[in-house]
Amino acid sequence: MALPPNQVFYVTVDQINQWRDQDAAVIVDVREENEWDEAHIPGAILMPLSTFDPARIPDPHGKHLVFHCRSGRRCGLAAEKAVAAGYTGVIKRMEGGFLAWNAAGFDSEPG
């Protein structure tokens, strides 16, 4: 399934961190619980891909909705599921995933 380029697109970790600092993003982590327990972005919401339910995507209330996973693949699958289920909002995918977030030295915390 090709994702609509005007609905789902990549955003850099630098931009996402800036939005997080400004309380302007809702970050959804689609990694599995064991990965979340090792480390996650403070304030992120865990919605593992294995049990991902598009009906449970939080309303971003005007903020940026960001999906992320470890490296960037699973957040694309989650975005596909959301779009296929009729989600019409914009979804940003974290470029490089949590690996890029850590490499940039941004905040994370253990589960």
PDB file of N, CA and C in Angstrom:
ATOM      1  N   MET A   1       0.845  -1.190   0.000  1.00  0.00           N
ATOM      2  CA  MET A   1       0.000   0.000   0.000  1.00  0.00           C
ATOM      3  C   MET A   1       0.883   1.244   0.000  1.00  0.00           C
ATOM      4  N   ALA A   2       0.653   2.117  -0.923  1.00  0.00           N
ATOM      5  CA  ALA A   2       1.387   3.380  -0.957  1.00  0.00           C
ATOM      6  C   ALA A   2       0.695   4.373  -0.031  1.00  0.00           C
ATOM      7  N   LEU A   3       1.476   4.970   0.831  1.00  0.00           N
ATOM      8  CA  LEU A   3       0.918   5.949   1.764  1.00  0.00           C
ATOM      9  C   LEU A   3       0.814   7.308   1.084  1.00  0.00           C
ATOM     10  N   PRO A   4      -0.271   8.018   1.346  1.00  0.00           N
ATOM     11  CA  PRO A   4      -0.429   9.347   0.739  1.00  0.00           C
ATOM     12  C   PRO A   4       0.693  10.285   1.204  1.00  0.00           C
ATOM     13  N   PRO A   5       1.455  10.863   0.271  1.00  0.00           N
ATOM     14  CA  PRO A   5       2.587  11.708   0.673  1.00  0.00           C
ATOM     15  C   PRO A   5       2.168  12.970   1.427  1.00  0.00           C
ATOM     16  N   ASN A   6       0.925  13.387   1.272  1.00  0.00           N
ATOM     17  CA  ASN A   6       0.463  14.574   1.989  1.00  0.00           C
ATOM     18  C   ASN A   6      -0.172  14.218   3.330  1.00  0.00           C
ATOM     19  N   GLN A   7      -0.193  12.926   3.652  1.00  0.00           N
ATOM     20  CA  GLN A   7      -0.789  12.494   4.917  1.00  0.00           C
ATOM     21  C   GLN A   7       0.232  11.827   5.833  1.00  0.00           C
ATOM     22  N   VAL A   8       1.177  11.101   5.264  1.00  0.00           N
ATOM     23  CA  VAL A   8       2.179  10.382   6.055  1.00  0.00           C
ATOM     24  C   VAL A   8       3.556  10.708   5.485  1.00  0.00           C
ATOM     25  N   PHE A   9       4.426  11.250   6.340  1.00  0.00           N
ATOM     26  CA  PHE A   9       5.759  11.582   5.850  1.00  0.00           C
ATOM     27  C   PHE A   9       6.768  11.600   6.989  1.00  0.00           C
ATOM     28  N   TYR A  10       8.035  11.513   6.610  1.00  0.00           N
ATOM     29  CA  TYR A  10       9.127  11.506   7.580  1.00  0.00           C
ATOM     30  C   TYR A  10       9.436  12.895   8.114  1.00  0.00           C
ATOM     31  N   VAL A  11       9.833  12.916   9.381  1.00  0.00           N
ATOM     32  CA  VAL A  11      10.289  14.142  10.026  1.00  0.00           C
ATOM     33  C   VAL A  11      11.558  13.778  10.805  1.00  0.00           C
ATOM     34  N   THR A  12      12.518  14.692  10.853  1.00  0.00           N
ATOM     35  CA  THR A  12      13.782  14.415  11.541  1.00  0.00           C
ATOM     36  C   THR A  12      13.602  14.369  13.059  1.00  0.00           C
ATOM     37  N   VAL A  13      14.521  13.682  13.707  1.00  0.00           N
ATOM     38  CA  VAL A  13      14.478  13.632  15.175  1.00  0.00           C
ATOM     39  C   VAL A  13      14.689  15.018  15.776  1.00  0.00           C
ATOM     40  N   ASP A  14      15.482  15.860  15.117  1.00  0.00           N
ATOM     41  CA  ASP A  14      15.699  17.223  15.616  1.00  0.00           C
ATOM     42  C   ASP A  14      14.376  17.990  15.670  1.00  0.00           C
ATOM     43  N   GLN A  15      13.579  17.886  14.592  1.00  0.00           N
ATOM     44  CA  GLN A  15      12.296  18.582  14.555  1.00  0.00           C
ATOM     45  C   GLN A  15      11.356  18.022  15.618  1.00  0.00           C
ATOM     46  N   ILE A  16      11.325  16.709  15.749  1.00  0.00           N
ATOM     47  CA  ILE A  16      10.429  16.077  16.723  1.00  0.00           C
ATOM     48  C   ILE A  16      10.821  16.460  18.140  1.00  0.00           C
ATOM     49  N   ASN A  17      12.111  16.508  18.422  1.00  0.00           N
ATOM     50  CA  ASN A  17      12.551  16.916  19.756  1.00  0.00           C
ATOM     51  C   ASN A  17      12.148  18.362  20.033  1.00  0.00           C
ATOM     52  N   GLN A  18      12.246  19.203  19.018  1.00  0.00           N
ATOM     53  CA  GLN A  18      11.831  20.611  19.183  1.00  0.00           C
ATOM     54  C   GLN A  18      10.332  20.679  19.495  1.00  0.00           C
ATOM     55  N   TRP A  19       9.524  19.913  18.753  1.00  0.00           N
ATOM     56  CA  TRP A  19       8.081  19.878  19.036  1.00  0.00           C
ATOM     57  C   TRP A  19       7.810  19.362  20.441  1.00  0.00           C
ATOM     58  N   ARG A  20       8.559  18.342  20.854  1.00  0.00           N
ATOM     59  CA  ARG A  20       8.365  17.781  22.200  1.00  0.00           C
ATOM     60  C   ARG A  20       8.684  18.823  23.254  1.00  0.00           C
ATOM     61  N   ASP A  21       9.776  19.552  23.057  1.00  0.00           N
ATOM     62  CA  ASP A  21      10.150  20.610  24.002  1.00  0.00           C
ATOM     63  C   ASP A  21       9.076  21.690  24.089  1.00  0.00           C
ATOM     64  N   GLN A  22       8.353  21.909  23.000  1.00  0.00           N
ATOM     65  CA  GLN A  22       7.299  22.932  22.936  1.00  0.00           C
ATOM     66  C   GLN A  22       5.918  22.360  23.271  1.00  0.00           C
ATOM     67  N   ASP A  23       5.871  21.114  23.698  1.00  0.00           N
ATOM     68  CA  ASP A  23       4.618  20.415  23.964  1.00  0.00           C
ATOM     69  C   ASP A  23       3.690  20.495  22.743  1.00  0.00           C
ATOM     70  N   ALA A  24       4.282  20.279  21.557  1.00  0.00           N
ATOM     71  CA  ALA A  24       3.538  20.410  20.310  1.00  0.00           C
ATOM     72  C   ALA A  24       3.439  19.086  19.559  1.00  0.00           C
ATOM     73  N   ALA A  25       3.718  17.963  20.250  1.00  0.00           N
ATOM     74  CA  ALA A  25       3.666  16.661  19.588  1.00  0.00           C
ATOM     75  C   ALA A  25       3.060  15.611  20.501  1.00  0.00           C
ATOM     76  N   VAL A  26       2.311  14.706  19.888  1.00  0.00           N
ATOM     77  CA  VAL A  26       1.863  13.479  20.545  1.00  0.00           C
ATOM     78  C   VAL A  26       2.683  12.370  19.896  1.00  0.00           C
ATOM     79  N   ILE A  27       3.540  11.738  20.689  1.00  0.00           N
ATOM     80  CA  ILE A  27       4.466  10.734  20.169  1.00  0.00           C
ATOM     81  C   ILE A  27       3.956   9.341  20.518  1.00  0.00           C
ATOM     82  N   VAL A  28       3.745   8.535  19.483  1.00  0.00           N
ATOM     83  CA  VAL A  28       3.256   7.168  19.641  1.00  0.00           C
ATOM     84  C   VAL A  28       4.391   6.214  19.301  1.00  0.00           C
ATOM     85  N   ASP A  29       4.768   5.392  20.273  1.00  0.00           N
ATOM     86  CA  ASP A  29       5.840   4.412  20.138  1.00  0.00           C
ATOM     87  C   ASP A  29       5.199   3.076  19.769  1.00  0.00           C
ATOM     88  N   VAL A  30       5.516   2.541  18.589  1.00  0.00           N
ATOM     89  CA  VAL A  30       4.901   1.281  18.164  1.00  0.00           C
ATOM     90  C   VAL A  30       5.832   0.080  18.356  1.00  0.00           C
ATOM     91  N   ARG A  31       6.913   0.285  19.113  1.00  0.00           N
ATOM     92  CA  ARG A  31       7.782  -0.844  19.459  1.00  0.00           C
ATOM     93  C   ARG A  31       7.046  -1.747  20.453  1.00  0.00           C
ATOM     94  N   GLU A  32       7.617  -2.884  20.717  1.00  0.00           N
ATOM     95  CA  GLU A  32       6.989  -3.813  21.665  1.00  0.00           C
ATOM     96  C   GLU A  32       7.332  -3.431  23.099  1.00  0.00           C
ATOM     97  N   GLU A  33       6.571  -3.980  24.043  1.00  0.00           N
ATOM     98  CA  GLU A  33       6.704  -3.589  25.448  1.00  0.00           C
ATOM     99  C   GLU A  33       8.101  -3.827  25.997  1.00  0.00           C
ATOM    100  N   ASN A  34       8.753  -4.917  25.595  1.00  0.00           N
ATOM    101  CA  ASN A  34      10.107  -5.185  26.098  1.00  0.00           C
ATOM    102  C   ASN A  34      11.091  -4.113  25.631  1.00  0.00           C
ATOM    103  N   GLU A  35      10.889  -3.583  24.421  1.00  0.00           N
ATOM    104  CA  GLU A  35      11.747  -2.492  23.926  1.00  0.00           C
ATOM    105  C   GLU A  35      11.468  -1.209  24.697  1.00  0.00           C
ATOM    106  N   TRP A  36      10.187  -0.938  24.922  1.00  0.00           N
ATOM    107  CA  TRP A  36       9.757   0.230  25.704  1.00  0.00           C
ATOM    108  C   TRP A  36      10.379   0.186  27.093  1.00  0.00           C
ATOM    109  N   ASP A  37      10.375  -1.016  27.707  1.00  0.00           N
ATOM    110  CA  ASP A  37      10.903  -1.163  29.064  1.00  0.00           C
ATOM    111  C   ASP A  37      12.393  -0.845  29.133  1.00  0.00           C
ATOM    112  N   GLU A  38      13.116  -1.112  28.052  1.00  0.00           N
ATOM    113  CA  GLU A  38      14.554  -0.799  28.028  1.00  0.00           C
ATOM    114  C   GLU A  38      14.774   0.707  28.034  1.00  0.00           C
ATOM    115  N   ALA A  39      14.037   1.417  27.185  1.00  0.00           N
ATOM    116  CA  ALA A  39      14.139   2.883  27.120  1.00  0.00           C
ATOM    117  C   ALA A  39      13.070   3.400  26.178  1.00  0.00           C
ATOM    118  N   HIS A  40      12.565   4.587  26.494  1.00  0.00           N
ATOM    119  CA  HIS A  40      11.575   5.230  25.631  1.00  0.00           C
ATOM    120  C   HIS A  40      11.653   6.750  25.788  1.00  0.00           C
ATOM    121  N   ILE A  41      10.999   7.432  24.881  1.00  0.00           N
ATOM    122  CA  ILE A  41      10.963   8.891  24.914  1.00  0.00           C
ATOM    123  C   ILE A  41       9.994   9.328  26.013  1.00  0.00           C
ATOM    124  N   PRO A  42      10.434  10.170  26.932  1.00  0.00           N
ATOM    125  CA  PRO A  42       9.527  10.634  27.986  1.00  0.00           C
ATOM    126  C   PRO A  42       8.265  11.267  27.390  1.00  0.00           C
ATOM    127  N   GLY A  43       7.128  10.861  27.908  1.00  0.00           N
ATOM    128  CA  GLY A  43       5.856  11.402  27.444  1.00  0.00           C
ATOM    129  C   GLY A  43       5.242  10.670  26.266  1.00  0.00           C
ATOM    130  N   ALA A  44       5.991   9.731  25.678  1.00  0.00           N
ATOM    131  CA  ALA A  44       5.455   8.963  24.541  1.00  0.00           C
ATOM    132  C   ALA A  44       4.360   8.016  25.017  1.00  0.00           C
ATOM    133  N   ILE A  45       3.537   7.569  24.075  1.00  0.00           N
ATOM    134  CA  ILE A  45       2.444   6.640  24.345  1.00  0.00           C
ATOM    135  C   ILE A  45       2.791   5.318  23.679  1.00  0.00           C
ATOM    136  N   LEU A  46       2.740   4.232  24.428  1.00  0.00           N
ATOM    137  CA  LEU A  46       3.050   2.915  23.878  1.00  0.00           C
ATOM    138  C   LEU A  46       1.821   2.302  23.213  1.00  0.00           C
ATOM    139  N   MET A  47       1.958   1.976  21.928  1.00  0.00           N
ATOM    140  CA  MET A  47       0.923   1.270  21.155  1.00  0.00           C
ATOM    141  C   MET A  47       1.641   0.241  20.285  1.00  0.00           C
ATOM    142  N   PRO A  48       2.043  -0.903  20.868  1.00  0.00           N
ATOM    143  CA  PRO A  48       2.842  -1.879  20.120  1.00  0.00           C
ATOM    144  C   PRO A  48       2.188  -2.296  18.796  1.00  0.00           C
ATOM    145  N   LEU A  49       3.014  -2.432  17.771  1.00  0.00           N
ATOM    146  CA  LEU A  49       2.503  -2.813  16.461  1.00  0.00           C
ATOM    147  C   LEU A  49       1.763  -4.144  16.520  1.00  0.00           C
ATOM    148  N   SER A  50       2.223  -5.071  17.370  1.00  0.00           N
ATOM    149  CA  SER A  50       1.603  -6.400  17.442  1.00  0.00           C
ATOM    150  C   SER A  50       0.142  -6.339  17.876  1.00  0.00           C
ATOM    151  N   THR A  51      -0.232  -5.284  18.586  1.00  0.00           N
ATOM    152  CA  THR A  51      -1.621  -5.137  19.043  1.00  0.00           C
ATOM    153  C   THR A  51      -2.196  -3.790  18.619  1.00  0.00           C
ATOM    154  N   PHE A  52      -1.583  -3.175  17.598  1.00  0.00           N
ATOM    155  CA  PHE A  52      -1.947  -1.821  17.176  1.00  0.00           C
ATOM    156  C   PHE A  52      -3.401  -1.755  16.719  1.00  0.00           C
ATOM    157  N   ASP A  53      -4.155  -0.856  17.322  1.00  0.00           N
ATOM    158  CA  ASP A  53      -5.561  -0.657  16.981  1.00  0.00           C
ATOM    159  C   ASP A  53      -5.743   0.801  16.555  1.00  0.00           C
ATOM    160  N   PRO A  54      -5.943   1.035  15.249  1.00  0.00           N
ATOM    161  CA  PRO A  54      -6.088   2.416  14.781  1.00  0.00           C
ATOM    162  C   PRO A  54      -7.192   3.199  15.495  1.00  0.00           C
ATOM    163  N   ALA A  55      -8.190   2.507  16.010  1.00  0.00           N
ATOM    164  CA  ALA A  55      -9.276   3.192  16.718  1.00  0.00           C
ATOM    165  C   ALA A  55      -8.788   3.817  18.022  1.00  0.00           C
ATOM    166  N   ARG A  56      -7.629   3.381  18.492  1.00  0.00           N
ATOM    167  CA  ARG A  56      -7.104   3.891  19.763  1.00  0.00           C
ATOM    168  C   ARG A  56      -6.042   4.979  19.579  1.00  0.00           C
ATOM    169  N   ILE A  57      -5.825   5.419  18.348  1.00  0.00           N
ATOM    170  CA  ILE A  57      -4.869   6.510  18.120  1.00  0.00           C
ATOM    171  C   ILE A  57      -5.382   7.740  18.866  1.00  0.00           C
ATOM    172  N   PRO A  58      -4.537   8.332  19.706  1.00  0.00           N
ATOM    173  CA  PRO A  58      -5.012   9.496  20.467  1.00  0.00           C
ATOM    174  C   PRO A  58      -5.278  10.696  19.558  1.00  0.00           C
ATOM    175  N   ASP A  59      -6.268  11.472  19.930  1.00  0.00           N
ATOM    176  CA  ASP A  59      -6.555  12.716  19.212  1.00  0.00           C
ATOM    177  C   ASP A  59      -5.427  13.686  19.553  1.00  0.00           C
ATOM    178  N   PRO A  60      -4.685  14.151  18.550  1.00  0.00           N
ATOM    179  CA  PRO A  60      -3.558  15.035  18.861  1.00  0.00           C
ATOM    180  C   PRO A  60      -3.959  16.458  19.254  1.00  0.00           C
ATOM    181  N   HIS A  61      -5.241  16.798  19.158  1.00  0.00           N
ATOM    182  CA  HIS A  61      -5.733  18.117  19.572  1.00  0.00           C
ATOM    183  C   HIS A  61      -4.882  19.252  19.005  1.00  0.00           C
ATOM    184  N   GLY A  62      -4.634  19.210  17.703  1.00  0.00           N
ATOM    185  CA  GLY A  62      -3.890  20.273  17.048  1.00  0.00           C
ATOM    186  C   GLY A  62      -2.381  20.142  17.116  1.00  0.00           C
ATOM    187  N   LYS A  63      -1.895  19.133  17.831  1.00  0.00           N
ATOM    188  CA  LYS A  63      -0.444  18.903  17.894  1.00  0.00           C
ATOM    189  C   LYS A  63      -0.036  17.972  16.752  1.00  0.00           C
ATOM    190  N   HIS A  64       1.252  17.802  16.572  1.00  0.00           N
ATOM    191  CA  HIS A  64       1.780  16.888  15.563  1.00  0.00           C
ATOM    192  C   HIS A  64       1.654  15.465  16.088  1.00  0.00           C
ATOM    193  N   LEU A  65       1.090  14.565  15.286  1.00  0.00           N
ATOM    194  CA  LEU A  65       1.023  13.149  15.635  1.00  0.00           C
ATOM    195  C   LEU A  65       2.239  12.473  15.032  1.00  0.00           C
ATOM    196  N   VAL A  66       3.083  11.905  15.890  1.00  0.00           N
ATOM    197  CA  VAL A  66       4.336  11.289  15.461  1.00  0.00           C
ATOM    198  C   VAL A  66       4.324   9.810  15.832  1.00  0.00           C
ATOM    199  N   PHE A  67       4.596   8.952  14.841  1.00  0.00           N
ATOM    200  CA  PHE A  67       4.784   7.519  15.092  1.00  0.00           C
ATOM    201  C   PHE A  67       6.279   7.248  15.047  1.00  0.00           C
ATOM    202  N   HIS A  68       6.739   6.370  15.944  1.00  0.00           N
ATOM    203  CA  HIS A  68       8.140   5.948  15.848  1.00  0.00           C
ATOM    204  C   HIS A  68       8.280   4.506  16.313  1.00  0.00           C
ATOM    205  N   CYS A  69       9.359   3.899  15.848  1.00  0.00           N
ATOM    206  CA  CYS A  69       9.702   2.536  16.248  1.00  0.00           C
ATOM    207  C   CYS A  69      11.222   2.509  16.446  1.00  0.00           C
ATOM    208  N   ARG A  70      11.847   1.369  16.283  1.00  0.00           N
ATOM    209  CA  ARG A  70      13.284   1.267  16.500  1.00  0.00           C
ATOM    210  C   ARG A  70      14.070   1.950  15.386  1.00  0.00           C
ATOM    211  N   SER A  71      13.741   1.593  14.121  1.00  0.00           N
ATOM    212  CA  SER A  71      14.540   2.103  13.004  1.00  0.00           C
ATOM    213  C   SER A  71      13.721   2.804  11.924  1.00  0.00           C
ATOM    214  N   GLY A  72      12.402   2.695  11.970  1.00  0.00           N
ATOM    215  CA  GLY A  72      11.565   3.388  11.000  1.00  0.00           C
ATOM    216  C   GLY A  72      10.636   2.515  10.180  1.00  0.00           C
ATOM    217  N   ARG A  73      10.813   1.195  10.216  1.00  0.00           N
ATOM    218  CA  ARG A  73       9.974   0.316   9.408  1.00  0.00           C
ATOM    219  C   ARG A  73       8.590   0.093  10.021  1.00  0.00           C
ATOM    220  N   ARG A  74       8.556  -0.291  11.282  1.00  0.00           N
ATOM    221  CA  ARG A  74       7.266  -0.614  11.924  1.00  0.00           C
ATOM    222  C   ARG A  74       6.340   0.586  12.033  1.00  0.00           C
ATOM    223  N   CYS A  75       6.888   1.786  12.181  1.00  0.00           N
ATOM    224  CA  CYS A  75       5.994   2.947  12.243  1.00  0.00           C
ATOM    225  C   CYS A  75       5.307   3.158  10.903  1.00  0.00           C
ATOM    226  N   GLY A  76       5.951   2.736   9.817  1.00  0.00           N
ATOM    227  CA  GLY A  76       5.307   2.787   8.507  1.00  0.00           C
ATOM    228  C   GLY A  76       4.168   1.794   8.414  1.00  0.00           C
ATOM    229  N   LEU A  77       4.361   0.610   8.985  1.00  0.00           N
ATOM    230  CA  LEU A  77       3.293  -0.393   9.008  1.00  0.00           C
ATOM    231  C   LEU A  77       2.119   0.093   9.842  1.00  0.00           C
ATOM    232  N   ALA A  78       2.413   0.737  10.962  1.00  0.00           N
ATOM    233  CA  ALA A  78       1.346   1.295  11.803  1.00  0.00           C
ATOM    234  C   ALA A  78       0.595   2.389  11.046  1.00  0.00           C
ATOM    235  N   ALA A  79       1.328   3.232  10.326  1.00  0.00           N
ATOM    236  CA  ALA A  79       0.693   4.290   9.537  1.00  0.00           C
ATOM    237  C   ALA A  79      -0.197   3.678   8.454  1.00  0.00           C
ATOM    238  N   GLU A  80       0.274   2.608   7.805  1.00  0.00           N
ATOM    239  CA  GLU A  80      -0.533   1.923   6.794  1.00  0.00           C
ATOM    240  C   GLU A  80      -1.836   1.402   7.402  1.00  0.00           C
ATOM    241  N   LYS A  81      -1.716   0.784   8.583  1.00  0.00           N
ATOM    242  CA  LYS A  81      -2.922   0.273   9.263  1.00  0.00           C
ATOM    243  C   LYS A  81      -3.889   1.410   9.577  1.00  0.00           C
ATOM    244  N   ALA A  82      -3.354   2.527  10.042  1.00  0.00           N
ATOM    245  CA  ALA A  82      -4.197   3.672  10.397  1.00  0.00           C
ATOM    246  C   ALA A  82      -4.934   4.209   9.172  1.00  0.00           C
ATOM    247  N   VAL A  83      -4.207   4.405   8.081  1.00  0.00           N
ATOM    248  CA  VAL A  83      -4.807   4.940   6.853  1.00  0.00           C
ATOM    249  C   VAL A  83      -5.836   3.953   6.297  1.00  0.00           C
ATOM    250  N   ALA A  84      -5.495   2.670   6.296  1.00  0.00           N
ATOM    251  CA  ALA A  84      -6.416   1.643   5.790  1.00  0.00           C
ATOM    252  C   ALA A  84      -7.705   1.592   6.614  1.00  0.00           C
ATOM    253  N   ALA A  85      -7.589   1.927   7.911  1.00  0.00           N
ATOM    254  CA  ALA A  85      -8.765   1.915   8.794  1.00  0.00           C
ATOM    255  C   ALA A  85      -9.565   3.210   8.704  1.00  0.00           C
ATOM    256  N   GLY A  86      -9.092   4.153   7.868  1.00  0.00           N
ATOM    257  CA  GLY A  86      -9.847   5.384   7.678  1.00  0.00           C
ATOM    258  C   GLY A  86      -9.328   6.591   8.418  1.00  0.00           C
ATOM    259  N   TYR A  87      -8.161   6.488   9.065  1.00  0.00           N
ATOM    260  CA  TYR A  87      -7.604   7.658   9.751  1.00  0.00           C
ATOM    261  C   TYR A  87      -7.289   8.724   8.709  1.00  0.00           C
ATOM    262  N   THR A  88      -7.755   9.940   8.928  1.00  0.00           N
ATOM    263  CA  THR A  88      -7.589  11.003   7.926  1.00  0.00           C
ATOM    264  C   THR A  88      -6.615  12.095   8.355  1.00  0.00           C
ATOM    265  N   GLY A  89      -6.115  12.025   9.573  1.00  0.00           N
ATOM    266  CA  GLY A  89      -5.169  13.037  10.041  1.00  0.00           C
ATOM    267  C   GLY A  89      -3.780  12.814   9.478  1.00  0.00           C
ATOM    268  N   VAL A  90      -2.916  13.790   9.696  1.00  0.00           N
ATOM    269  CA  VAL A  90      -1.534  13.714   9.250  1.00  0.00           C
ATOM    270  C   VAL A  90      -0.721  12.921  10.266  1.00  0.00           C
ATOM    271  N   ILE A  91       0.114  12.010   9.768  1.00  0.00           N
ATOM    272  CA  ILE A  91       0.989  11.199  10.610  1.00  0.00           C
ATOM    273  C   ILE A  91       2.429  11.477  10.206  1.00  0.00           C
ATOM    274  N   LYS A  92       3.233  11.875  11.181  1.00  0.00           N
ATOM    275  CA  LYS A  92       4.657  12.059  10.936  1.00  0.00           C
ATOM    276  C   LYS A  92       5.385  10.810  11.413  1.00  0.00           C
ATOM    277  N   ARG A  93       6.324  10.346  10.616  1.00  0.00           N
ATOM    278  CA  ARG A  93       7.158   9.197  10.977  1.00  0.00           C
ATOM    279  C   ARG A  93       8.534   9.701  11.370  1.00  0.00           C
ATOM    280  N   MET A  94       9.026   9.231  12.514  1.00  0.00           N
ATOM    281  CA  MET A  94      10.346   9.651  12.978  1.00  0.00           C
ATOM    282  C   MET A  94      11.417   9.011  12.107  1.00  0.00           C
ATOM    283  N   GLU A  95      12.134   9.847  11.373  1.00  0.00           N
ATOM    284  CA  GLU A  95      13.181   9.372  10.485  1.00  0.00           C
ATOM    285  C   GLU A  95      14.302   8.721  11.298  1.00  0.00           C
ATOM    286  N   GLY A  96      14.583   7.448  11.001  1.00  0.00           N
ATOM    287  CA  GLY A  96      15.648   6.735  11.703  1.00  0.00           C
ATOM    288  C   GLY A  96      15.221   6.108  13.014  1.00  0.00           C
ATOM    289  N   GLY A  97      13.999   6.382  13.457  1.00  0.00           N
ATOM    290  CA  GLY A  97      13.452   5.758  14.656  1.00  0.00           C
ATOM    291  C   GLY A  97      14.212   6.073  15.937  1.00  0.00           C
ATOM    292  N   PHE A  98      13.992   5.199  16.925  1.00  0.00           N
ATOM    293  CA  PHE A  98      14.585   5.402  18.244  1.00  0.00           C
ATOM    294  C   PHE A  98      16.113   5.324  18.179  1.00  0.00           C
ATOM    295  N   LEU A  99      16.645   4.570  17.216  1.00  0.00           N
ATOM    296  CA  LEU A  99      18.101   4.511  17.059  1.00  0.00           C
ATOM    297  C   LEU A  99      18.652   5.903  16.750  1.00  0.00           C
ATOM    298  N   ALA A 100      17.990   6.631  15.855  1.00  0.00           N
ATOM    299  CA  ALA A 100      18.423   7.993  15.516  1.00  0.00           C
ATOM    300  C   ALA A 100      18.223   8.936  16.698  1.00  0.00           C
ATOM    301  N   TRP A 101      17.126   8.746  17.425  1.00  0.00           N
ATOM    302  CA  TRP A 101      16.855   9.568  18.617  1.00  0.00           C
ATOM    303  C   TRP A 101      17.997   9.425  19.623  1.00  0.00           C
ATOM    304  N   ASN A 102      18.385   8.178  19.892  1.00  0.00           N
ATOM    305  CA  ASN A 102      19.485   7.936  20.835  1.00  0.00           C
ATOM    306  C   ASN A 102      20.803   8.475  20.305  1.00  0.00           C
ATOM    307  N   ALA A 103      21.062   8.265  19.015  1.00  0.00           N
ATOM    308  CA  ALA A 103      22.307   8.745  18.409  1.00  0.00           C
ATOM    309  C   ALA A 103      22.434  10.262  18.511  1.00  0.00           C
ATOM    310  N   ALA A 104      21.287  10.955  18.477  1.00  0.00           N
ATOM    311  CA  ALA A 104      21.291  12.408  18.599  1.00  0.00           C
ATOM    312  C   ALA A 104      21.457  12.868  20.050  1.00  0.00           C
ATOM    313  N   GLY A 105      21.363  11.922  20.990  1.00  0.00           N
ATOM    314  CA  GLY A 105      21.569  12.264  22.395  1.00  0.00           C
ATOM    315  C   GLY A 105      20.350  12.856  23.081  1.00  0.00           C
ATOM    316  N   PHE A 106      19.159  12.670  22.506  1.00  0.00           N
ATOM    317  CA  PHE A 106      17.951  13.225  23.107  1.00  0.00           C
ATOM    318  C   PHE A 106      17.483  12.370  24.285  1.00  0.00           C
ATOM    319  N   ASP A 107      16.631  12.958  25.129  1.00  0.00           N
ATOM    320  CA  ASP A 107      16.157  12.308  26.353  1.00  0.00           C
ATOM    321  C   ASP A 107      15.471  10.984  26.078  1.00  0.00           C
ATOM    322  N   SER A 108      15.779  10.026  26.955  1.00  0.00           N
ATOM    323  CA  SER A 108      15.021   8.776  27.007  1.00  0.00           C
ATOM    324  C   SER A 108      15.069   8.313  28.460  1.00  0.00           C
ATOM    325  N   GLU A 109      14.132   7.441  28.785  1.00  0.00           N
ATOM    326  CA  GLU A 109      14.066   6.944  30.153  1.00  0.00           C
ATOM    327  C   GLU A 109      13.722   5.472  30.134  1.00  0.00           C
ATOM    328  N   PRO A 110      14.137   4.739  31.160  1.00  0.00           N
ATOM    329  CA  PRO A 110      13.784   3.328  31.241  1.00  0.00           C
ATOM    330  C   PRO A 110      12.300   3.163  31.567  1.00  0.00           C
ATOM    331  N   GLY A 111      11.756   2.003  31.202  1.00  0.00           N
ATOM    332  CA  GLY A 111      10.350   1.713  31.407  1.00  0.00           C
ATOM    333  C   GLY A 111       9.926   1.779  32.831  1.00  0.00           C
TER     334      GLY A 111
END
